[in-house]
Amino acid sequence: MAETKNIRAEQYLAPETLAQLSPFELRAKMIVEGVMSGTHRSPYQGMAVEFAEHRQYVAGDDLRHLDWKVYGRSDKLYIKQYQQETTLDVVLLVDASASMSYGSLAVKSGWGGTTASRRRRVWTKYDHATAVAAAIAYLCLHQQDRIGLVVFADEIRTIVARSGTRPQWRRIVNALSGEPVEATTNLAKVTDQVVSKISNRALFVIISDLFDDLDSIRQALARFRHRRHDVIVLQTLDREEMRFGFSQPAPFEGLEGEGKVRIDPRALRSGYLEALSNHIDAVSRIALGFGFDYHRLDTHESVGPALTHLLARRNVHSKRSKAG
């Protein structure tokens, strides 16, 4: 892995993206289990730092938790209940398979770059995934969570161990910017490798075009659900892939070893769009069926609004869960 030096935040984090994300917190739907005091509440009751509510005293309760002010006002004994605060563990799973090197948009001005964009001189799906990962990592570190990274293709390529320290963002961006984008995708195999290394429950953010076999995707998400992890699936696609606006006969090359063939795109457009739409719909149904979040990203759109929409939706879910 090549090391990128002198990385500046503004090369990978647009100021408008940070402004859009600043009101939000990345909440997990599951019960978070942490190792340090952070900003996420757990329903486990006991000694902690944040007072939650009262309940009436019963014999055997720890007298240290009596609220003497309430007793002075009402002459009744009430116990303070607390909510433990825990740190959320977030793991970014970023796809660096060859199909992620596709792009149809010029590289954005001031972009720090990745191996994919430096080689192809376009804004690739991998560059977009890197921008998304950089924003999520920044958000997690800002709210004192632990964030880690797994770069994968047919297997794990690079791991940045979870940490909540300030240098972690630079480690993650260094790893992403220097990673070669090549090989095929095997999400099921990668998931088996990842969950074997992580014992506590975590929030996984998968950033990938998900050009993989549906059974492999289903198997991967089932494994996460079985281990009681939370997952956000961000299917990252280039706009030209979704529209297939090509009009002239030309050689088309499969980026993951499928070979090269000369076709008339006008003759294939209808069938291609139907097949892609079916695949996208199937991926969405699989993710939502396991209770995970799914969001499709367009590489021609800014990162901020898409993540803002996702975070707002998750925060609403979190508030409803607490109210329930």
C-alpha atoms as a PDB file:
ATOM      1  CA  MET A   1       0.000   0.000   0.000  1.00  0.00           C
ATOM      2  CA  ALA A   2       1.422   3.354  -1.023  1.00  0.00           C
ATOM      3  CA  GLU A   3       1.517   6.002   1.643  1.00  0.00           C
ATOM      4  CA  THR A   4       0.143   9.454   0.928  1.00  0.00           C
ATOM      5  CA  LYS A   5       1.838  12.282   2.804  1.00  0.00           C
ATOM      6  CA  ASN A   6       0.769  15.778   3.799  1.00  0.00           C
ATOM      7  CA  ILE A   7      -2.953  15.072   3.511  1.00  0.00           C
ATOM      8  CA  ARG A   8      -5.102  18.095   4.286  1.00  0.00           C
ATOM      9  CA  ALA A   9      -8.702  17.747   5.408  1.00  0.00           C
ATOM     10  CA  GLU A  10      -9.994  20.065   2.691  1.00  0.00           C
ATOM     11  CA  GLN A  11      -8.589  17.709   0.026  1.00  0.00           C
ATOM     12  CA  TYR A  12     -11.046  14.987   1.047  1.00  0.00           C
ATOM     13  CA  LEU A  13     -13.742  16.853   3.005  1.00  0.00           C
ATOM     14  CA  ALA A  14     -15.654  19.647   1.313  1.00  0.00           C
ATOM     15  CA  PRO A  15     -16.567  22.445   3.784  1.00  0.00           C
ATOM     16  CA  GLU A  16     -20.200  22.315   2.654  1.00  0.00           C
ATOM     17  CA  THR A  17     -20.294  18.578   3.427  1.00  0.00           C
ATOM     18  CA  LEU A  18     -19.104  19.181   6.987  1.00  0.00           C
ATOM     19  CA  ALA A  19     -21.662  21.959   7.412  1.00  0.00           C
ATOM     20  CA  GLN A  20     -24.456  19.683   6.215  1.00  0.00           C
ATOM     21  CA  LEU A  21     -23.425  16.809   8.495  1.00  0.00           C
ATOM     22  CA  SER A  22     -22.701  18.853  11.627  1.00  0.00           C
ATOM     23  CA  PRO A  23     -26.255  18.740  13.093  1.00  0.00           C
ATOM     24  CA  PHE A  24     -26.393  14.951  12.936  1.00  0.00           C
ATOM     25  CA  GLU A  25     -25.104  12.002  14.910  1.00  0.00           C
ATOM     26  CA  LEU A  26     -24.508   8.549  13.461  1.00  0.00           C
ATOM     27  CA  ARG A  27     -26.721   6.391  15.634  1.00  0.00           C
ATOM     28  CA  ALA A  28     -26.882   2.611  15.651  1.00  0.00           C
ATOM     29  CA  LYS A  29     -30.246   0.869  15.641  1.00  0.00           C
ATOM     30  CA  MET A  30     -28.922  -1.908  17.829  1.00  0.00           C
ATOM     31  CA  ILE A  31     -27.814  -1.672  21.461  1.00  0.00           C
ATOM     32  CA  VAL A  32     -24.313  -0.311  21.321  1.00  0.00           C
ATOM     33  CA  GLU A  33     -21.643  -1.994  23.392  1.00  0.00           C
ATOM     34  CA  GLY A  34     -18.590   0.176  23.890  1.00  0.00           C
ATOM     35  CA  VAL A  35     -15.343   0.223  25.747  1.00  0.00           C
ATOM     36  CA  MET A  36     -15.107   3.917  26.605  1.00  0.00           C
ATOM     37  CA  SER A  37     -17.458   6.712  27.624  1.00  0.00           C
ATOM     38  CA  GLY A  38     -18.825   8.403  24.536  1.00  0.00           C
ATOM     39  CA  THR A  39     -21.977  10.013  23.249  1.00  0.00           C
ATOM     40  CA  HIS A  40     -24.259   7.002  22.654  1.00  0.00           C
ATOM     41  CA  ARG A  41     -26.659   5.821  25.330  1.00  0.00           C
ATOM     42  CA  SER A  42     -27.165   2.186  26.279  1.00  0.00           C
ATOM     43  CA  PRO A  43     -30.271   0.865  28.016  1.00  0.00           C
ATOM     44  CA  TYR A  44     -28.139  -1.010  30.549  1.00  0.00           C
ATOM     45  CA  GLN A  45     -28.934   0.506  33.921  1.00  0.00           C
ATOM     46  CA  GLY A  46     -26.318   1.195  36.584  1.00  0.00           C
ATOM     47  CA  MET A  47     -23.630   3.645  37.564  1.00  0.00           C
ATOM     48  CA  ALA A  48     -22.989   6.031  34.672  1.00  0.00           C
ATOM     49  CA  VAL A  49     -22.658   9.682  33.836  1.00  0.00           C
ATOM     50  CA  GLU A  50     -26.119  10.649  32.601  1.00  0.00           C
ATOM     51  CA  PHE A  51     -29.256  10.745  34.763  1.00  0.00           C
ATOM     52  CA  ALA A  52     -32.264   9.255  32.967  1.00  0.00           C
ATOM     53  CA  GLU A  53     -35.345   9.038  35.234  1.00  0.00           C
ATOM     54  CA  HIS A  54     -36.742   8.191  38.675  1.00  0.00           C
ATOM     55  CA  ARG A  55     -38.450   5.104  40.000  1.00  0.00           C
ATOM     56  CA  GLN A  56     -39.866   4.443  43.450  1.00  0.00           C
ATOM     57  CA  TYR A  57     -37.508   2.890  46.004  1.00  0.00           C
ATOM     58  CA  VAL A  58     -37.944  -0.792  46.846  1.00  0.00           C
ATOM     59  CA  ALA A  59     -36.224  -2.770  49.571  1.00  0.00           C
ATOM     60  CA  GLY A  60     -32.724  -3.805  48.514  1.00  0.00           C
ATOM     61  CA  ASP A  61     -32.016  -0.818  46.267  1.00  0.00           C
ATOM     62  CA  ASP A  62     -28.644   0.856  46.652  1.00  0.00           C
ATOM     63  CA  LEU A  63     -29.200   3.809  48.985  1.00  0.00           C
ATOM     64  CA  ARG A  64     -26.442   5.739  47.247  1.00  0.00           C
ATOM     65  CA  HIS A  65     -28.836   6.364  44.357  1.00  0.00           C
ATOM     66  CA  LEU A  66     -31.629   7.887  46.466  1.00  0.00           C
ATOM     67  CA  ASP A  67     -32.682  11.352  45.321  1.00  0.00           C
ATOM     68  CA  TRP A  68     -32.708  13.290  48.589  1.00  0.00           C
ATOM     69  CA  LYS A  69     -34.036  16.442  46.954  1.00  0.00           C
ATOM     70  CA  VAL A  70     -37.178  14.619  45.867  1.00  0.00           C
ATOM     71  CA  TYR A  71     -37.461  13.108  49.349  1.00  0.00           C
ATOM     72  CA  GLY A  72     -37.233  16.590  50.883  1.00  0.00           C
ATOM     73  CA  ARG A  73     -40.061  17.864  48.675  1.00  0.00           C
ATOM     74  CA  SER A  74     -42.391  14.868  48.768  1.00  0.00           C
ATOM     75  CA  ASP A  75     -41.329  12.795  51.766  1.00  0.00           C
ATOM     76  CA  LYS A  76     -41.123   9.818  49.334  1.00  0.00           C
ATOM     77  CA  LEU A  77     -38.125   7.717  48.430  1.00  0.00           C
ATOM     78  CA  TYR A  78     -37.141   7.637  44.763  1.00  0.00           C
ATOM     79  CA  ILE A  79     -34.110   6.104  43.078  1.00  0.00           C
ATOM     80  CA  LYS A  80     -32.183   7.808  40.299  1.00  0.00           C
ATOM     81  CA  GLN A  81     -31.778   5.640  37.240  1.00  0.00           C
ATOM     82  CA  TYR A  82     -28.941   6.220  34.843  1.00  0.00           C
ATOM     83  CA  GLN A  83     -28.151   5.380  31.266  1.00  0.00           C
ATOM     84  CA  GLN A  84     -24.659   4.194  30.585  1.00  0.00           C
ATOM     85  CA  GLU A  85     -22.924   6.053  27.812  1.00  0.00           C
ATOM     86  CA  THR A  86     -20.918   3.936  25.440  1.00  0.00           C
ATOM     87  CA  THR A  87     -18.847   4.430  22.353  1.00  0.00           C
ATOM     88  CA  LEU A  88     -20.144   3.229  19.023  1.00  0.00           C
ATOM     89  CA  ASP A  89     -17.768   1.071  17.007  1.00  0.00           C
ATOM     90  CA  VAL A  90     -18.051   1.789  13.281  1.00  0.00           C
ATOM     91  CA  VAL A  91     -16.267  -0.194  10.573  1.00  0.00           C
ATOM     92  CA  LEU A  92     -16.123   1.118   7.005  1.00  0.00           C
ATOM     93  CA  LEU A  93     -16.067  -1.608   4.349  1.00  0.00           C
ATOM     94  CA  VAL A  94     -14.916   0.021   1.114  1.00  0.00           C
ATOM     95  CA  ASP A  95     -14.949  -1.911  -2.152  1.00  0.00           C
ATOM     96  CA  ALA A  96     -11.704  -1.605  -4.126  1.00  0.00           C
ATOM     97  CA  SER A  97     -12.546  -4.174  -6.815  1.00  0.00           C
ATOM     98  CA  ALA A  98     -11.859  -3.291 -10.454  1.00  0.00           C
ATOM     99  CA  SER A  99     -15.430  -2.248 -11.273  1.00  0.00           C
ATOM    100  CA  MET A 100     -15.067   0.594  -8.749  1.00  0.00           C
ATOM    101  CA  SER A 101     -12.487   2.205 -11.045  1.00  0.00           C
ATOM    102  CA  TYR A 102     -15.191   3.223 -13.522  1.00  0.00           C
ATOM    103  CA  GLY A 103     -16.163   6.880 -13.784  1.00  0.00           C
ATOM    104  CA  SER A 104     -17.660   9.327 -16.270  1.00  0.00           C
ATOM    105  CA  LEU A 105     -17.177  12.628 -14.430  1.00  0.00           C
ATOM    106  CA  ALA A 106     -14.110  14.860 -14.439  1.00  0.00           C
ATOM    107  CA  VAL A 107     -12.066  14.762 -11.247  1.00  0.00           C
ATOM    108  CA  LYS A 108     -13.362  17.352  -8.798  1.00  0.00           C
ATOM    109  CA  SER A 109     -11.273  20.469  -8.326  1.00  0.00           C
ATOM    110  CA  GLY A 110      -8.906  20.255  -5.363  1.00  0.00           C
ATOM    111  CA  TRP A 111      -9.533  16.534  -4.843  1.00  0.00           C
ATOM    112  CA  GLY A 112      -6.672  14.805  -3.063  1.00  0.00           C
ATOM    113  CA  GLY A 113      -6.916  11.808  -5.346  1.00  0.00           C
ATOM    114  CA  THR A 114      -6.802   8.019  -5.216  1.00  0.00           C
ATOM    115  CA  THR A 115      -4.918   5.441  -7.196  1.00  0.00           C
ATOM    116  CA  ALA A 116      -8.025   4.996  -9.378  1.00  0.00           C
ATOM    117  CA  SER A 117      -8.463   8.674 -10.281  1.00  0.00           C
ATOM    118  CA  ARG A 118      -4.761   9.251 -10.782  1.00  0.00           C
ATOM    119  CA  ARG A 119      -4.649   6.361 -13.231  1.00  0.00           C
ATOM    120  CA  ARG A 120      -7.883   7.034 -15.141  1.00  0.00           C
ATOM    121  CA  ARG A 121      -8.055  10.814 -14.618  1.00  0.00           C
ATOM    122  CA  VAL A 122     -11.777  10.690 -13.841  1.00  0.00           C
ATOM    123  CA  TRP A 123     -13.930  10.782 -10.705  1.00  0.00           C
ATOM    124  CA  THR A 124     -14.409   7.070 -10.157  1.00  0.00           C
ATOM    125  CA  LYS A 125     -16.845   5.160  -8.002  1.00  0.00           C
ATOM    126  CA  TYR A 126     -13.900   4.424  -5.737  1.00  0.00           C
ATOM    127  CA  ASP A 127     -13.166   8.151  -5.380  1.00  0.00           C
ATOM    128  CA  HIS A 128     -16.786   8.737  -4.416  1.00  0.00           C
ATOM    129  CA  ALA A 129     -16.600   5.876  -1.910  1.00  0.00           C
ATOM    130  CA  THR A 130     -13.428   7.422  -0.481  1.00  0.00           C
ATOM    131  CA  ALA A 131     -15.138  10.808  -0.094  1.00  0.00           C
ATOM    132  CA  VAL A 132     -18.096   9.162   1.665  1.00  0.00           C
ATOM    133  CA  ALA A 133     -15.817   7.148   3.944  1.00  0.00           C
ATOM    134  CA  ALA A 134     -13.765  10.240   4.814  1.00  0.00           C
ATOM    135  CA  ALA A 135     -16.929  12.150   5.774  1.00  0.00           C
ATOM    136  CA  ILE A 136     -18.304   9.319   7.917  1.00  0.00           C
ATOM    137  CA  ALA A 137     -14.933   8.838   9.622  1.00  0.00           C
ATOM    138  CA  TYR A 138     -14.740  12.543  10.422  1.00  0.00           C
ATOM    139  CA  LEU A 139     -18.272  12.493  11.849  1.00  0.00           C
ATOM    140  CA  CYS A 140     -17.542   9.449  14.023  1.00  0.00           C
ATOM    141  CA  LEU A 141     -14.325  10.872  15.424  1.00  0.00           C
ATOM    142  CA  HIS A 142     -16.045  14.201  16.080  1.00  0.00           C
ATOM    143  CA  GLN A 143     -18.649  12.426  18.237  1.00  0.00           C
ATOM    144  CA  GLN A 144     -15.905  10.418  20.006  1.00  0.00           C
ATOM    145  CA  ASP A 145     -16.697   7.050  18.460  1.00  0.00           C
ATOM    146  CA  ARG A 146     -14.206   4.443  17.316  1.00  0.00           C
ATOM    147  CA  ILE A 147     -13.843   4.058  13.564  1.00  0.00           C
ATOM    148  CA  GLY A 148     -12.014   1.421  11.547  1.00  0.00           C
ATOM    149  CA  LEU A 149     -11.553   0.566   7.885  1.00  0.00           C
ATOM    150  CA  VAL A 150     -11.535  -2.571   5.769  1.00  0.00           C
ATOM    151  CA  VAL A 151     -10.652  -2.222   2.093  1.00  0.00           C
ATOM    152  CA  PHE A 152     -11.710  -5.300   0.146  1.00  0.00           C
ATOM    153  CA  ALA A 153     -12.162  -6.898  -3.242  1.00  0.00           C
ATOM    154  CA  ASP A 154     -12.112 -10.711  -3.519  1.00  0.00           C
ATOM    155  CA  GLU A 155     -10.680 -10.724   0.011  1.00  0.00           C
ATOM    156  CA  ILE A 156      -9.553  -8.230   2.642  1.00  0.00           C
ATOM    157  CA  ARG A 157      -6.807  -6.039   1.202  1.00  0.00           C
ATOM    158  CA  THR A 158      -6.165  -3.528   3.984  1.00  0.00           C
ATOM    159  CA  ILE A 159      -7.292  -3.099   7.585  1.00  0.00           C
ATOM    160  CA  VAL A 160      -7.041   0.017   9.720  1.00  0.00           C
ATOM    161  CA  ALA A 161      -7.799  -1.056  13.290  1.00  0.00           C
ATOM    162  CA  ARG A 162     -10.576   0.783  15.111  1.00  0.00           C
ATOM    163  CA  SER A 163      -9.570   3.855  17.073  1.00  0.00           C
ATOM    164  CA  GLY A 164     -11.092   7.082  18.325  1.00  0.00           C
ATOM    165  CA  THR A 165      -7.863   9.078  18.399  1.00  0.00           C
ATOM    166  CA  ARG A 166      -7.294  12.199  16.328  1.00  0.00           C
ATOM    167  CA  PRO A 167      -4.712  10.681  13.940  1.00  0.00           C
ATOM    168  CA  GLN A 168      -7.198   7.983  12.908  1.00  0.00           C
ATOM    169  CA  TRP A 169      -8.801  10.057  10.162  1.00  0.00           C
ATOM    170  CA  ARG A 170      -5.456  10.546   8.456  1.00  0.00           C
ATOM    171  CA  ARG A 171      -4.701   6.816   8.714  1.00  0.00           C
ATOM    172  CA  ILE A 172      -8.004   5.963   7.044  1.00  0.00           C
ATOM    173  CA  VAL A 173      -7.606   8.456   4.211  1.00  0.00           C
ATOM    174  CA  ASN A 174      -3.992   7.386   3.684  1.00  0.00           C
ATOM    175  CA  ALA A 175      -5.117   3.793   3.282  1.00  0.00           C
ATOM    176  CA  LEU A 176      -7.951   4.666   0.916  1.00  0.00           C
ATOM    177  CA  SER A 177      -6.002   7.043  -1.297  1.00  0.00           C
ATOM    178  CA  GLY A 178      -3.129   4.652  -1.921  1.00  0.00           C
ATOM    179  CA  GLU A 179      -5.042   1.396  -2.381  1.00  0.00           C
ATOM    180  CA  PRO A 180      -4.911  -0.255  -5.838  1.00  0.00           C
ATOM    181  CA  VAL A 181      -8.384  -0.771  -7.341  1.00  0.00           C
ATOM    182  CA  GLU A 182      -8.383  -4.186  -8.948  1.00  0.00           C
ATOM    183  CA  ALA A 183      -9.607  -7.803  -8.849  1.00  0.00           C
ATOM    184  CA  THR A 184     -13.132  -9.189  -8.494  1.00  0.00           C
ATOM    185  CA  THR A 185     -15.690  -8.834  -5.686  1.00  0.00           C
ATOM    186  CA  ASN A 186     -16.546 -11.509  -3.132  1.00  0.00           C
ATOM    187  CA  LEU A 187     -18.550  -9.903  -0.345  1.00  0.00           C
ATOM    188  CA  ALA A 188     -19.503 -13.200   1.307  1.00  0.00           C
ATOM    189  CA  LYS A 189     -15.878 -14.262   1.702  1.00  0.00           C
ATOM    190  CA  VAL A 190     -14.864 -10.814   2.945  1.00  0.00           C
ATOM    191  CA  THR A 191     -17.687 -10.784   5.496  1.00  0.00           C
ATOM    192  CA  ASP A 192     -16.570 -14.129   6.899  1.00  0.00           C
ATOM    193  CA  GLN A 193     -13.049 -12.735   7.262  1.00  0.00           C
ATOM    194  CA  VAL A 194     -14.259  -9.516   8.896  1.00  0.00           C
ATOM    195  CA  VAL A 195     -16.696 -10.925  11.460  1.00  0.00           C
ATOM    196  CA  SER A 196     -14.118 -13.472  12.592  1.00  0.00           C
ATOM    197  CA  LYS A 197     -11.922 -10.567  13.669  1.00  0.00           C
ATOM    198  CA  ILE A 198     -14.573  -8.515  15.518  1.00  0.00           C
ATOM    199  CA  SER A 199     -16.073  -9.899  18.711  1.00  0.00           C
ATOM    200  CA  ASN A 200     -18.206  -6.969  19.895  1.00  0.00           C
ATOM    201  CA  ARG A 201     -21.260  -5.643  18.122  1.00  0.00           C
ATOM    202  CA  ALA A 202     -20.569  -2.848  15.664  1.00  0.00           C
ATOM    203  CA  LEU A 203     -22.065  -0.726  12.916  1.00  0.00           C
ATOM    204  CA  PHE A 204     -20.720  -1.691   9.485  1.00  0.00           C
ATOM    205  CA  VAL A 205     -20.973   0.716   6.559  1.00  0.00           C
ATOM    206  CA  ILE A 206     -20.618  -1.083   3.214  1.00  0.00           C
ATOM    207  CA  ILE A 207     -19.659   1.290   0.376  1.00  0.00           C
ATOM    208  CA  SER A 208     -19.675  -0.636  -2.896  1.00  0.00           C
ATOM    209  CA  ASP A 209     -21.279  -0.842  -6.320  1.00  0.00           C
ATOM    210  CA  LEU A 210     -22.362  -4.343  -5.207  1.00  0.00           C
ATOM    211  CA  PHE A 211     -21.729  -5.832  -8.617  1.00  0.00           C
ATOM    212  CA  ASP A 212     -21.635  -9.226  -6.985  1.00  0.00           C
ATOM    213  CA  ASP A 213     -23.761 -12.331  -7.060  1.00  0.00           C
ATOM    214  CA  LEU A 214     -27.019 -11.791  -5.160  1.00  0.00           C
ATOM    215  CA  ASP A 215     -26.506 -14.983  -3.177  1.00  0.00           C
ATOM    216  CA  SER A 216     -23.112 -13.682  -2.052  1.00  0.00           C
ATOM    217  CA  ILE A 217     -24.697 -10.393  -0.924  1.00  0.00           C
ATOM    218  CA  ARG A 218     -27.517 -12.208   0.869  1.00  0.00           C
ATOM    219  CA  GLN A 219     -25.060 -14.556   2.579  1.00  0.00           C
ATOM    220  CA  ALA A 220     -22.914 -11.622   3.714  1.00  0.00           C
ATOM    221  CA  LEU A 221     -25.796  -9.641   5.207  1.00  0.00           C
ATOM    222  CA  ALA A 222     -27.205 -12.769   6.850  1.00  0.00           C
ATOM    223  CA  ARG A 223     -23.866 -13.293   8.569  1.00  0.00           C
ATOM    224  CA  PHE A 224     -23.908  -9.719   9.903  1.00  0.00           C
ATOM    225  CA  ARG A 225     -27.470 -10.204  11.170  1.00  0.00           C
ATOM    226  CA  HIS A 226     -26.598 -13.523  12.798  1.00  0.00           C
ATOM    227  CA  ARG A 227     -23.779 -11.808  14.705  1.00  0.00           C
ATOM    228  CA  ARG A 228     -26.220  -9.027  15.684  1.00  0.00           C
ATOM    229  CA  HIS A 229     -24.324  -6.254  13.943  1.00  0.00           C
ATOM    230  CA  ASP A 230     -25.976  -3.191  12.412  1.00  0.00           C
ATOM    231  CA  VAL A 231     -25.311  -2.427   8.740  1.00  0.00           C
ATOM    232  CA  ILE A 232     -25.685   0.513   6.372  1.00  0.00           C
ATOM    233  CA  VAL A 233     -25.491  -0.451   2.691  1.00  0.00           C
ATOM    234  CA  LEU A 234     -24.418   2.380   0.373  1.00  0.00           C
ATOM    235  CA  GLN A 235     -24.626   1.163  -3.213  1.00  0.00           C
ATOM    236  CA  THR A 236     -22.363   3.497  -5.164  1.00  0.00           C
ATOM    237  CA  LEU A 237     -23.035   3.800  -8.905  1.00  0.00           C
ATOM    238  CA  ASP A 238     -21.898   6.129 -11.655  1.00  0.00           C
ATOM    239  CA  ARG A 239     -24.687   8.057 -13.344  1.00  0.00           C
ATOM    240  CA  GLU A 240     -23.673   6.832 -16.793  1.00  0.00           C
ATOM    241  CA  GLU A 241     -24.032   3.239 -15.555  1.00  0.00           C
ATOM    242  CA  MET A 242     -27.570   4.001 -14.442  1.00  0.00           C
ATOM    243  CA  ARG A 243     -28.591   5.844 -17.622  1.00  0.00           C
ATOM    244  CA  PHE A 244     -26.537   3.991 -20.246  1.00  0.00           C
ATOM    245  CA  GLY A 245     -26.623   6.963 -22.572  1.00  0.00           C
ATOM    246  CA  PHE A 246     -24.063   5.601 -25.027  1.00  0.00           C
ATOM    247  CA  SER A 247     -25.134   5.846 -28.660  1.00  0.00           C
ATOM    248  CA  GLN A 248     -22.225   4.763 -30.858  1.00  0.00           C
ATOM    249  CA  PRO A 249     -21.002   1.196 -31.431  1.00  0.00           C
ATOM    250  CA  ALA A 250     -17.784   0.706 -29.478  1.00  0.00           C
ATOM    251  CA  PRO A 251     -15.773  -1.935 -27.632  1.00  0.00           C
ATOM    252  CA  PHE A 252     -17.009  -2.431 -24.043  1.00  0.00           C
ATOM    253  CA  GLU A 253     -14.678  -4.035 -21.529  1.00  0.00           C
ATOM    254  CA  GLY A 254     -15.650  -5.830 -18.351  1.00  0.00           C
ATOM    255  CA  LEU A 255     -13.439  -4.487 -15.585  1.00  0.00           C
ATOM    256  CA  GLU A 256     -13.420  -7.687 -13.540  1.00  0.00           C
ATOM    257  CA  GLY A 257     -12.108 -10.108 -16.139  1.00  0.00           C
ATOM    258  CA  GLU A 258     -15.179 -10.429 -18.355  1.00  0.00           C
ATOM    259  CA  GLY A 259     -13.223  -9.516 -21.485  1.00  0.00           C
ATOM    260  CA  LYS A 260     -13.893  -7.021 -24.288  1.00  0.00           C
ATOM    261  CA  VAL A 261     -16.695  -7.092 -26.837  1.00  0.00           C
ATOM    262  CA  ARG A 262     -17.835  -4.640 -29.510  1.00  0.00           C
ATOM    263  CA  ILE A 263     -21.532  -3.817 -29.196  1.00  0.00           C
ATOM    264  CA  ASP A 264     -24.191  -1.410 -30.371  1.00  0.00           C
ATOM    265  CA  PRO A 265     -25.360   0.138 -27.069  1.00  0.00           C
ATOM    266  CA  ARG A 266     -28.659   1.282 -28.578  1.00  0.00           C
ATOM    267  CA  ALA A 267     -29.624  -2.338 -29.208  1.00  0.00           C
ATOM    268  CA  LEU A 268     -28.785  -3.365 -25.644  1.00  0.00           C
ATOM    269  CA  ARG A 269     -29.958  -0.320 -23.720  1.00  0.00           C
ATOM    270  CA  SER A 270     -33.425  -1.567 -22.809  1.00  0.00           C
ATOM    271  CA  GLY A 271     -32.236  -4.991 -21.676  1.00  0.00           C
ATOM    272  CA  TYR A 272     -29.276  -3.518 -19.771  1.00  0.00           C
ATOM    273  CA  LEU A 273     -31.421  -0.995 -17.888  1.00  0.00           C
ATOM    274  CA  GLU A 274     -33.934  -3.679 -16.977  1.00  0.00           C
ATOM    275  CA  ALA A 275     -31.222  -6.011 -15.694  1.00  0.00           C
ATOM    276  CA  LEU A 276     -29.551  -3.224 -13.688  1.00  0.00           C
ATOM    277  CA  SER A 277     -32.855  -2.067 -12.218  1.00  0.00           C
ATOM    278  CA  ASN A 278     -33.682  -5.625 -11.184  1.00  0.00           C
ATOM    279  CA  HIS A 279     -30.284  -6.000  -9.532  1.00  0.00           C
ATOM    280  CA  ILE A 280     -30.566  -2.696  -7.646  1.00  0.00           C
ATOM    281  CA  ASP A 281     -34.086  -3.553  -6.477  1.00  0.00           C
ATOM    282  CA  ALA A 282     -32.944  -6.996  -5.346  1.00  0.00           C
ATOM    283  CA  VAL A 283     -30.006  -5.577  -3.362  1.00  0.00           C
ATOM    284  CA  SER A 284     -32.322  -3.069  -1.702  1.00  0.00           C
ATOM    285  CA  ARG A 285     -34.864  -5.767  -0.794  1.00  0.00           C
ATOM    286  CA  ILE A 286     -32.165  -8.009   0.655  1.00  0.00           C
ATOM    287  CA  ALA A 287     -30.747  -5.211   2.832  1.00  0.00           C
ATOM    288  CA  LEU A 288     -34.126  -3.967   4.028  1.00  0.00           C
ATOM    289  CA  GLY A 289     -35.285  -7.533   4.604  1.00  0.00           C
ATOM    290  CA  PHE A 290     -32.564  -7.958   7.219  1.00  0.00           C
ATOM    291  CA  GLY A 291     -33.577  -4.680   8.855  1.00  0.00           C
ATOM    292  CA  PHE A 292     -30.560  -2.774   7.540  1.00  0.00           C
ATOM    293  CA  ASP A 293     -30.440   0.646   5.929  1.00  0.00           C
ATOM    294  CA  TYR A 294     -29.991   0.893   2.176  1.00  0.00           C
ATOM    295  CA  HIS A 295     -29.179   3.998   0.163  1.00  0.00           C
ATOM    296  CA  ARG A 296     -28.098   4.338  -3.459  1.00  0.00           C
ATOM    297  CA  LEU A 297     -25.411   6.919  -4.204  1.00  0.00           C
ATOM    298  CA  ASP A 298     -24.961   8.726  -7.528  1.00  0.00           C
ATOM    299  CA  THR A 299     -21.308   9.633  -8.111  1.00  0.00           C
ATOM    300  CA  HIS A 300     -22.347  12.803  -9.943  1.00  0.00           C
ATOM    301  CA  GLU A 301     -24.068  14.141  -6.818  1.00  0.00           C
ATOM    302  CA  SER A 302     -22.457  15.743  -3.778  1.00  0.00           C
ATOM    303  CA  VAL A 303     -21.733  13.562  -0.773  1.00  0.00           C
ATOM    304  CA  GLY A 304     -23.297  15.862   1.834  1.00  0.00           C
ATOM    305  CA  PRO A 305     -27.007  15.783   0.882  1.00  0.00           C
ATOM    306  CA  ALA A 306     -27.095  11.988   0.498  1.00  0.00           C
ATOM    307  CA  LEU A 307     -25.466  11.383   3.888  1.00  0.00           C
ATOM    308  CA  THR A 308     -27.648  14.053   5.497  1.00  0.00           C
ATOM    309  CA  HIS A 309     -30.759  12.264   4.260  1.00  0.00           C
ATOM    310  CA  LEU A 310     -29.482   8.934   5.581  1.00  0.00           C
ATOM    311  CA  LEU A 311     -28.499  10.323   8.999  1.00  0.00           C
ATOM    312  CA  ALA A 312     -31.777  12.174   9.400  1.00  0.00           C
ATOM    313  CA  ARG A 313     -33.690   8.972   8.698  1.00  0.00           C
ATOM    314  CA  ARG A 314     -31.623   6.982  11.207  1.00  0.00           C
ATOM    315  CA  ASN A 315     -31.975   9.661  13.877  1.00  0.00           C
ATOM    316  CA  VAL A 316     -35.751   9.609  13.467  1.00  0.00           C
ATOM    317  CA  HIS A 317     -35.681   5.826  13.889  1.00  0.00           C
ATOM    318  CA  SER A 318     -33.558   6.177  17.026  1.00  0.00           C
ATOM    319  CA  LYS A 319     -35.959   8.678  18.581  1.00  0.00           C
ATOM    320  CA  ARG A 320     -38.948   6.460  17.798  1.00  0.00           C
ATOM    321  CA  SER A 321     -37.192   3.473  19.364  1.00  0.00           C
ATOM    322  CA  LYS A 322     -36.576   5.439  22.569  1.00  0.00           C
ATOM    323  CA  ALA A 323     -40.169   6.683  22.652  1.00  0.00           C
ATOM    324  CA  GLY A 324     -41.391   3.115  22.221  1.00  0.00           C
END
